[in-house]
């Protein structure tokens, strides 16, 4: 009967909520509990060591010099041993570490192209070397207090605990004792290999594509660092990071200042996916911009607007929306799974192999082909999404549809 089916559905939903609540509590309690257990273990080791020394001093009449040296070494090691605070990764971060391979690492890569404005000094002379350098990038990094706002940029994957980050300690001996607690003084991007300067790309887009292809197919040593950036500068438009159309627009604006430098700077970033997704990484890099305060205010205002909208909803409306999402997730997952099973059964061979004229994936060469072009700005894509797909259609849906149509 319908009443029994509804009862079973409600019972199943309550079980799912109970399991999710237990997992949430476990993720909150377990890290602190493991830290507490490790601290208790350390204290227990200290007590056992002291009792061992006491028993040996009371019961032994003569102690060899070798035993004394061993005890002193053990005591020194015990004194140096410290608790390492670790931060748990997000589920996406742990998933990216588990699923990546040597030929397909989880390393999103992006580049940012800059063109210096025609600035003038107090004497009215146009600056010709107003380009982004390693020292200037590091200065902006500290000025914007990125190590304090986003400390994860100075984490590494823990070598002792699976699925955890740990802070990358400064192992250089020239650091004074007074500065050990100041994270801004510990960070040195150029010395630690986060920021490097490379030769600029001179063949239009060909060199830049090759560098991006190499970066996205090369794995990172996640136990050393989780990101880095390569900076290069050269003639405007030489790398292809700025399209020819945009270069012409920039040159027209520079006609008023003929002495202004026609230069560009390309910053090529490489991250590991465990550090964050595209949205969080872009938001973090946004704090480097001059408009960082304005962007942060816009984000805070949007969050407040959504919170106010949520408070206006009645409790039964919130409960109905939660149940609706759970049902959509349950039946949507089943529908997607059945669709994949249908495709596997009805497609015995990889369709891409048929197009390429290959018999198996072993005949394919490893690598990536990178390409991009200027299509439209984000606002235009959003308008297209709302016009064609409705309110729930996203920018990603539009691009996936375009790619699917292109390779169909």
Protein backbone atom coordinates (compact mmCIF):
# COMPACT_ATOMS: atom_id res chain seq x y z
CA UNK A 1 0.00 0.00 0.00
CA UNK A 2 1.16 3.65 -0.44
CA UNK A 3 1.20 4.19 3.33
CA UNK A 4 3.69 1.35 3.83
CA UNK A 5 5.93 2.63 1.04
CA UNK A 6 5.89 6.12 2.53
CA UNK A 7 6.69 4.67 5.95
CA UNK A 8 9.63 2.73 4.52
CA UNK A 9 10.86 5.84 2.71
CA UNK A 10 10.74 7.95 5.88
CA UNK A 11 12.50 5.19 7.81
CA UNK A 12 15.23 4.98 5.18
CA UNK A 13 15.71 8.76 5.20
CA UNK A 14 15.98 8.77 9.02
CA UNK A 15 18.66 6.06 8.82
CA UNK A 16 20.62 8.10 6.25
CA UNK A 17 20.42 11.21 8.44
CA UNK A 18 21.56 9.19 11.47
CA UNK A 19 24.57 7.79 9.60
CA UNK A 20 25.51 11.25 8.27
CA UNK A 21 25.26 12.71 11.80
CA UNK A 22 27.48 9.95 13.19
CA UNK A 23 30.09 10.57 10.49
CA UNK A 24 30.00 14.31 11.17
CA UNK A 25 30.50 13.76 14.91
CA UNK A 26 33.31 11.30 14.21
CA UNK A 27 35.10 13.77 11.94
CA UNK A 28 34.89 16.39 14.70
CA UNK A 29 35.76 14.19 17.68
CA UNK A 30 38.30 11.75 16.24
CA UNK A 31 41.04 14.27 15.29
CA UNK A 32 41.02 15.77 18.81
CA UNK A 33 40.84 12.31 20.35
CA UNK A 34 43.81 11.08 18.30
CA UNK A 35 45.80 14.13 19.37
CA UNK A 36 44.85 13.47 23.00
CA UNK A 37 45.85 9.81 22.71
CA UNK A 38 49.18 10.74 21.14
CA UNK A 39 49.81 13.23 23.98
CA UNK A 40 48.92 10.57 26.60
CA UNK A 41 51.24 8.12 24.86
CA UNK A 42 54.05 10.66 25.00
CA UNK A 43 53.46 11.24 28.74
CA UNK A 44 53.40 7.47 29.31
CA UNK A 45 56.73 7.16 27.52
CA UNK A 46 58.21 9.86 29.75
CA UNK A 47 56.95 8.14 32.93
CA UNK A 48 58.22 4.73 31.78
CA UNK A 49 61.58 6.21 30.91
CA UNK A 50 61.90 7.91 34.33
CA UNK A 51 60.87 4.70 36.16
CA UNK A 52 63.37 2.74 34.13
CA UNK A 53 66.13 5.15 35.10
CA UNK A 54 65.10 4.96 38.76
CA UNK A 55 65.08 1.15 38.81
CA UNK A 56 68.45 0.97 37.19
CA UNK A 57 69.97 3.51 39.58
CA UNK A 58 68.60 1.65 42.65
CA UNK A 59 69.36 -1.90 41.56
CA UNK A 60 72.59 -1.57 39.58
CA UNK A 61 75.85 -1.00 41.38
CA UNK A 62 77.97 -0.24 38.34
CA UNK A 63 76.83 1.32 35.06
CA UNK A 64 79.06 1.20 32.00
CA UNK A 65 79.99 4.31 30.12
CA UNK A 66 78.21 2.87 27.07
CA UNK A 67 74.96 2.55 29.04
CA UNK A 68 75.31 6.13 30.26
CA UNK A 69 75.82 7.40 26.73
CA UNK A 70 72.80 5.41 25.48
CA UNK A 71 70.63 6.80 28.27
CA UNK A 72 71.76 10.34 27.55
CA UNK A 73 70.99 9.87 23.84
CA UNK A 74 67.54 8.46 24.64
CA UNK A 75 66.85 11.34 27.00
CA UNK A 76 67.94 13.86 24.37
CA UNK A 77 65.69 12.27 21.76
CA UNK A 78 62.78 12.25 24.21
CA UNK A 79 63.27 15.93 24.98
CA UNK A 80 63.38 16.80 21.29
CA UNK A 81 60.22 14.81 20.52
CA UNK A 82 57.24 17.10 20.03
CA UNK A 83 53.61 16.75 19.09
CA UNK A 84 52.92 17.69 15.44
CA UNK A 85 49.52 19.30 14.97
CA UNK A 86 47.79 17.96 11.88
CA UNK A 87 44.81 19.21 9.90
CA UNK A 88 42.35 16.78 8.33
CA UNK A 89 41.79 17.01 4.57
CA UNK A 90 38.41 17.44 2.97
CA UNK A 91 36.79 14.35 1.40
CA UNK A 92 37.66 15.73 -2.06
CA UNK A 93 41.29 16.14 -1.00
CA UNK A 94 41.55 12.56 0.24
CA UNK A 95 39.78 11.32 -2.89
CA UNK A 96 42.25 13.16 -5.16
CA UNK A 97 45.22 11.52 -3.43
CA UNK A 98 43.70 8.05 -3.66
CA UNK A 99 42.63 8.22 -7.30
CA UNK A 100 45.53 9.98 -9.01
CA UNK A 101 48.01 7.99 -11.12
CA UNK A 102 51.46 8.68 -12.54
CA UNK A 103 50.04 9.51 -15.96
CA UNK A 104 46.96 11.31 -14.62
CA UNK A 105 47.88 13.29 -11.48
CA UNK A 106 45.39 15.56 -9.71
CA UNK A 107 47.19 18.82 -10.43
CA UNK A 108 45.03 21.70 -11.72
CA UNK A 109 47.10 24.28 -13.55
CA UNK A 110 46.30 27.87 -14.51
CA UNK A 111 48.09 30.94 -15.79
CA UNK A 112 47.54 34.66 -15.18
CA UNK A 113 48.76 37.20 -17.72
CA UNK A 114 49.52 40.78 -16.62
CA UNK A 115 50.30 43.88 -18.64
CA UNK A 116 51.77 46.79 -16.66
CA UNK A 117 49.87 50.09 -16.96
CA UNK A 118 51.63 53.21 -18.29
CA UNK A 119 52.53 54.60 -14.87
CA UNK A 120 54.57 57.74 -14.29
CA UNK A 121 56.84 58.75 -11.45
CA UNK A 122 56.95 62.13 -9.71
CA UNK A 123 59.11 63.55 -12.52
CA UNK A 124 56.57 62.56 -15.15
CA UNK A 125 58.76 59.79 -16.60
CA UNK A 126 57.00 56.60 -17.65
CA UNK A 127 58.28 53.56 -15.75
CA UNK A 128 59.71 50.96 -18.12
CA UNK A 129 60.35 48.11 -15.68
CA UNK A 130 56.98 47.93 -13.94
CA UNK A 131 56.76 44.13 -14.25
CA UNK A 132 55.92 41.40 -11.74
CA UNK A 133 59.07 39.80 -10.38
CA UNK A 134 59.78 37.12 -7.78
CA UNK A 135 60.64 39.67 -5.11
CA UNK A 136 57.52 41.74 -5.86
CA UNK A 137 55.27 38.66 -5.77
CA UNK A 138 56.73 37.69 -2.39
CA UNK A 139 56.28 41.25 -1.13
CA UNK A 140 52.60 41.26 -2.15
CA UNK A 141 52.17 37.79 -0.60
CA UNK A 142 53.32 39.09 2.79
CA UNK A 143 51.63 42.48 2.45
CA UNK A 144 48.26 40.82 1.89
CA UNK A 145 48.99 38.46 4.81
CA UNK A 146 48.25 35.35 2.77
CA UNK A 147 50.13 33.01 5.21
CA UNK A 148 47.75 34.17 7.95
CA UNK A 149 44.54 34.26 5.88
CA UNK A 150 45.26 30.99 4.04
CA UNK A 151 47.81 28.95 6.03
CA UNK A 152 47.05 25.85 3.94
CA UNK A 153 49.35 27.26 1.24
CA UNK A 154 52.22 26.39 3.59
CA UNK A 155 51.05 22.87 4.46
CA UNK A 156 52.26 19.57 3.12
CA UNK A 157 50.75 16.10 3.16
CA UNK A 158 51.61 14.28 6.38
CA UNK A 159 54.06 11.41 6.05
CA UNK A 160 52.75 9.71 9.20
CA UNK A 161 48.96 10.09 9.05
CA UNK A 162 46.98 9.29 5.93
CA UNK A 163 44.52 12.01 4.92
CA UNK A 164 46.06 14.80 7.01
CA UNK A 165 48.07 17.96 6.40
CA UNK A 166 50.90 19.16 8.57
CA UNK A 167 52.62 22.51 8.68
CA UNK A 168 55.79 22.79 6.65
CA UNK A 169 58.42 23.62 9.25
CA UNK A 170 61.23 26.04 8.49
CA UNK A 171 64.37 23.91 8.73
CA UNK A 172 66.87 26.70 8.02
CA UNK A 173 69.27 27.46 10.82
CA UNK A 174 69.48 31.22 10.25
CA UNK A 175 66.08 31.81 11.83
CA UNK A 176 66.30 33.53 15.22
CA UNK A 177 64.48 32.21 18.28
CA UNK A 178 62.39 35.37 18.56
CA UNK A 179 60.83 34.81 15.12
CA UNK A 180 59.87 31.16 15.50
CA UNK A 181 56.28 31.99 16.44
CA UNK A 182 55.79 34.52 13.64
CA UNK A 183 54.54 32.69 10.55
CA UNK A 184 55.12 35.75 8.36
CA UNK A 185 58.82 35.63 9.22
CA UNK A 186 59.06 31.87 8.61
CA UNK A 187 57.74 31.99 5.05
CA UNK A 188 60.25 32.55 2.28
CA UNK A 189 58.65 31.70 -1.05
CA UNK A 190 61.71 31.96 -3.26
CA UNK A 191 63.99 30.05 -0.89
CA UNK A 192 61.49 27.22 -0.37
CA UNK A 193 60.85 26.82 -4.11
CA UNK A 194 57.31 28.17 -4.22
CA UNK A 195 58.18 31.00 -6.63
CA UNK A 196 60.74 30.77 -9.44
CA UNK A 197 61.61 32.88 -12.45
CA UNK A 198 61.89 31.23 -15.87
CA UNK A 199 62.59 32.19 -19.47
CA UNK A 200 59.69 33.82 -21.27
CA UNK A 201 57.80 32.04 -24.05
CA UNK A 202 58.58 33.50 -27.48
CA UNK A 203 56.65 31.26 -29.91
CA UNK A 204 53.02 32.37 -29.86
CA UNK A 205 51.07 29.92 -27.63
CA UNK A 206 53.16 26.92 -28.69
CA UNK A 207 55.70 27.24 -25.86
CA UNK A 208 53.01 28.08 -23.30
CA UNK A 209 50.91 25.07 -24.32
CA UNK A 210 53.93 22.79 -24.03
CA UNK A 211 54.68 24.04 -20.51
CA UNK A 212 51.07 23.59 -19.40
CA UNK A 213 50.96 20.09 -20.89
CA UNK A 214 54.14 19.15 -19.03
CA UNK A 215 52.82 20.52 -15.73
CA UNK A 216 49.45 18.73 -15.85
CA UNK A 217 51.10 15.37 -16.62
CA UNK A 218 53.86 15.58 -14.00
CA UNK A 219 53.14 14.46 -10.43
CA UNK A 220 53.99 16.64 -7.44
CA UNK A 221 55.90 15.67 -4.33
CA UNK A 222 53.02 16.37 -1.93
CA UNK A 223 55.24 15.77 1.09
CA UNK A 224 57.37 18.75 0.09
CA UNK A 225 54.86 21.37 -1.12
CA UNK A 226 51.39 21.53 -2.66
CA UNK A 227 51.80 24.42 -5.12
CA UNK A 228 54.28 26.61 -6.96
CA UNK A 229 54.31 29.40 -9.54
CA UNK A 230 56.66 30.16 -12.42
CA UNK A 231 57.03 33.83 -13.41
CA UNK A 232 58.35 35.10 -16.74
CA UNK A 233 58.26 38.47 -18.52
CA UNK A 234 58.74 39.53 -22.14
CA UNK A 235 57.28 41.41 -25.09
CA UNK A 236 53.53 41.98 -25.06
CA UNK A 237 51.69 39.18 -26.89
CA UNK A 238 54.77 37.00 -27.45
CA UNK A 239 53.59 34.11 -25.27
CA UNK A 240 49.99 33.99 -26.44
CA UNK A 241 48.65 34.19 -22.90
CA UNK A 242 47.08 37.47 -24.01
CA UNK A 243 45.22 37.02 -27.29
CA UNK A 244 46.10 39.05 -30.38
CA UNK A 245 42.79 40.89 -30.21
CA UNK A 246 43.41 42.00 -26.62
CA UNK A 247 46.98 42.99 -27.51
CA UNK A 248 45.64 45.34 -30.19
CA UNK A 249 43.22 46.86 -27.67
CA UNK A 250 46.07 47.45 -25.21
CA UNK A 251 48.26 49.00 -27.91
CA UNK A 252 45.51 51.44 -28.89
CA UNK A 253 45.25 52.59 -25.28
CA UNK A 254 49.02 53.11 -25.18
CA UNK A 255 49.07 55.50 -28.14
CA UNK A 256 48.51 58.33 -25.68
CA UNK A 257 51.78 57.35 -23.94
CA UNK A 258 54.21 56.20 -26.65
CA UNK A 259 56.98 55.65 -24.09
CA UNK A 260 54.89 53.16 -22.11
CA UNK A 261 56.42 49.65 -22.11
CA UNK A 262 54.65 47.05 -24.23
CA UNK A 263 55.51 44.19 -21.89
CA UNK A 264 53.71 41.28 -20.25
CA UNK A 265 54.19 38.98 -17.28
CA UNK A 266 52.89 35.41 -17.21
CA UNK A 267 52.40 33.63 -13.87
CA UNK A 268 51.98 29.88 -14.35
CA UNK A 269 50.48 28.22 -11.24
CA UNK A 270 50.38 24.53 -10.42
CA UNK A 271 48.41 23.14 -7.45
CA UNK A 272 47.59 19.76 -6.06
CA UNK A 273 43.87 19.08 -5.86
CA UNK A 274 44.11 18.14 -2.17
CA UNK A 275 44.86 21.81 -1.44
CA UNK A 276 41.40 22.84 -2.67
CA UNK A 277 39.04 22.98 -5.61
CA UNK A 278 38.95 25.63 -8.32
CA UNK A 279 36.53 27.89 -6.44
CA UNK A 280 38.48 27.98 -3.15
CA UNK A 281 41.85 28.40 -4.89
CA UNK A 282 40.53 31.23 -7.05
CA UNK A 283 39.06 32.93 -3.97
CA UNK A 284 42.40 32.60 -2.16
CA UNK A 285 44.35 34.06 -5.10
CA UNK A 286 41.79 36.87 -5.23
CA UNK A 287 43.22 38.17 -1.95
CA UNK A 288 46.39 39.08 -3.88
CA UNK A 289 44.49 41.62 -6.00
CA UNK A 290 44.24 45.33 -5.27
CA UNK A 291 40.46 44.91 -5.20
CA UNK A 292 40.65 42.14 -2.57
CA UNK A 293 38.76 44.17 0.05
CA UNK A 294 35.93 44.99 -2.36
CA UNK A 295 35.65 41.35 -3.46
CA UNK A 296 35.57 40.16 0.15
CA UNK A 297 32.82 42.67 0.98
CA UNK A 298 30.75 41.45 -1.98
CA UNK A 299 31.13 37.85 -0.82
CA UNK A 300 30.16 38.76 2.77
CA UNK A 301 27.10 40.66 1.55
CA UNK A 302 26.01 37.69 -0.56
CA UNK A 303 26.43 35.34 2.41
CA UNK A 304 24.36 37.65 4.63
CA UNK A 305 21.66 37.89 1.96
CA UNK A 306 21.40 34.11 1.71
CA UNK A 307 21.33 33.75 5.50
CA UNK A 308 18.46 36.23 5.75
CA UNK A 309 16.63 34.36 3.02
CA UNK A 310 17.12 31.10 4.94
CA UNK A 311 15.85 32.60 8.20
CA UNK A 312 12.61 33.69 6.54
CA UNK A 313 11.79 30.08 5.65
CA UNK A 314 9.56 28.19 8.05
CA UNK A 315 10.75 25.02 9.72
CA UNK A 316 8.50 22.75 7.68
CA UNK A 317 9.73 24.41 4.47
CA UNK A 318 13.34 23.68 5.47
CA UNK A 319 12.46 20.08 6.33
CA UNK A 320 10.64 19.65 3.03
CA UNK A 321 13.63 21.01 1.11
CA UNK A 322 16.02 18.63 2.93
CA UNK A 323 13.78 15.64 2.18
CA UNK A 324 13.45 16.79 -1.42
CA UNK A 325 17.24 16.94 -1.82
CA UNK A 326 17.68 13.51 -0.24
CA UNK A 327 15.11 11.98 -2.58
CA UNK A 328 16.70 13.72 -5.56
CA UNK A 329 20.13 12.44 -4.52
CA UNK A 330 18.89 8.88 -3.99
CA UNK A 331 16.89 8.49 -7.20
CA UNK A 332 19.27 10.67 -9.21
CA UNK A 333 22.21 8.46 -8.23
CA UNK A 334 20.27 5.34 -9.15
CA UNK A 335 19.29 6.86 -12.50
CA UNK A 336 22.90 7.88 -13.26
CA UNK A 337 24.17 4.42 -12.29
CA UNK A 338 21.63 2.69 -14.54
CA UNK A 339 22.57 5.03 -17.37
CA UNK A 340 26.27 4.14 -17.01
CA UNK A 341 25.46 0.43 -16.93
CA UNK A 342 23.38 0.85 -20.11
CA UNK A 343 26.26 2.65 -21.86
CA UNK A 344 28.74 -0.06 -20.83
CA UNK A 345 26.47 -2.82 -22.15
CA UNK A 346 25.58 -1.09 -25.41
CA UNK A 347 29.08 0.26 -26.15
CA UNK A 348 31.52 -2.66 -26.28
CA UNK A 349 34.34 -0.50 -27.63
CA UNK A 350 35.60 2.93 -26.67
CA UNK A 351 34.09 5.35 -29.23
CA UNK A 352 37.23 7.52 -29.14
CA UNK A 353 39.33 4.53 -30.23
CA UNK A 354 37.07 4.03 -33.25
CA UNK A 355 37.47 7.67 -34.25
CA UNK A 356 41.27 7.49 -33.87
CA UNK A 357 41.45 4.13 -35.63
CA UNK A 358 43.05 2.37 -32.65
CA UNK A 359 42.29 -1.11 -31.35
CA UNK A 360 43.18 -0.61 -27.67
CA UNK A 361 44.25 2.06 -25.21
CA UNK A 362 47.78 0.61 -25.20
CA UNK A 363 48.34 2.13 -28.64
CA UNK A 364 47.61 5.62 -27.35
CA UNK A 365 50.51 7.86 -26.37
CA UNK A 366 50.47 9.41 -22.90
CA UNK A 367 50.07 13.15 -22.66
CA UNK A 368 47.62 16.01 -22.82
CA UNK A 369 46.63 18.41 -25.58
CA UNK A 370 45.88 21.92 -24.33
CA UNK A 371 43.91 24.51 -26.25
CA UNK A 372 41.93 27.66 -25.47
CA UNK A 373 40.31 30.58 -27.21
CA UNK A 374 38.29 33.70 -26.42
CA UNK A 375 34.62 32.72 -26.61
CA UNK A 376 32.62 35.05 -24.36
CA UNK A 377 32.79 36.65 -20.96
CA UNK A 378 31.26 34.98 -17.93
CA UNK A 379 28.23 37.30 -17.77
CA UNK A 380 27.23 36.38 -21.34
CA UNK A 381 27.52 32.66 -20.52
CA UNK A 382 25.35 33.12 -17.41
CA UNK A 383 22.68 34.86 -19.47
CA UNK A 384 22.75 32.04 -22.03
CA UNK A 385 22.42 29.44 -19.25
CA UNK A 386 19.38 31.15 -17.71
CA UNK A 387 17.77 31.77 -21.10
CA UNK A 388 18.11 28.22 -22.42
CA UNK A 389 18.15 26.03 -19.33
CA UNK A 390 16.33 27.97 -16.67
CA UNK A 391 17.28 28.94 -13.15
CA UNK A 392 19.12 25.73 -12.24
CA UNK A 393 21.45 25.72 -15.27
CA UNK A 394 25.08 26.60 -14.49
CA UNK A 395 28.06 27.86 -16.47
CA UNK A 396 29.57 24.37 -16.35
CA UNK A 397 26.44 22.95 -18.00
CA UNK A 398 26.87 25.35 -20.93
CA UNK A 399 30.54 24.48 -21.45
CA UNK A 400 29.95 20.73 -21.12
CA UNK A 401 27.20 21.02 -23.72
CA UNK A 402 29.53 22.92 -26.06
CA UNK A 403 32.31 20.35 -25.66
CA UNK A 404 29.88 17.45 -26.15
CA UNK A 405 28.57 19.04 -29.35
CA UNK A 406 32.13 19.67 -30.57
CA UNK A 407 33.30 16.06 -30.19
CA UNK A 408 29.99 14.41 -31.18
